[in-house]
Amino acid sequence: MSALKQEVLRAFKSLHRACMSKFEGDTRMLTAAREKINEEFKKHKHITSQTATQELIKVSREAENEIRTSLVQVKEIRPGHHEVKITPETTKLENFPYRDVPEEELRRRKPRKPCSEK
């Protein structure tokens, strides 16, 4: 087997593994992801150009990285309450708490006339 074919197979398997770890326990999403991956790889099966194949492998790796770092699994445990599965690979952004308008700024604002007085 050529090195390029091995690399394609590695990318294919790696993408499936990423989906299996991210959508663990969610058969509907696992099935949809499996079908989409298989469909995309079959669609490009006829490509023989090495540069085009390398580009598709790169796209596959980017998709795998996106799945591993950006997706979270959310499950409704009871109406109105959800559980989020965050893995160590998930990218976490800095979260700033809500800040209401400070009292000093409210005092500095000019009082406005009601609409009835205009």
Foldseek 3Di string as FASTA:
>chain_A
DDPLVVLVVVLLVLLLVLQCVQCPPPVVSNVVSNVVSVVVCVVCVPDDDPVVSVVVSVVSVVVSLCSQADDWDWDAPDVPDIDIHDDPNHDDDDDDDDDDDDPVVVVPDDDDDDPVVD
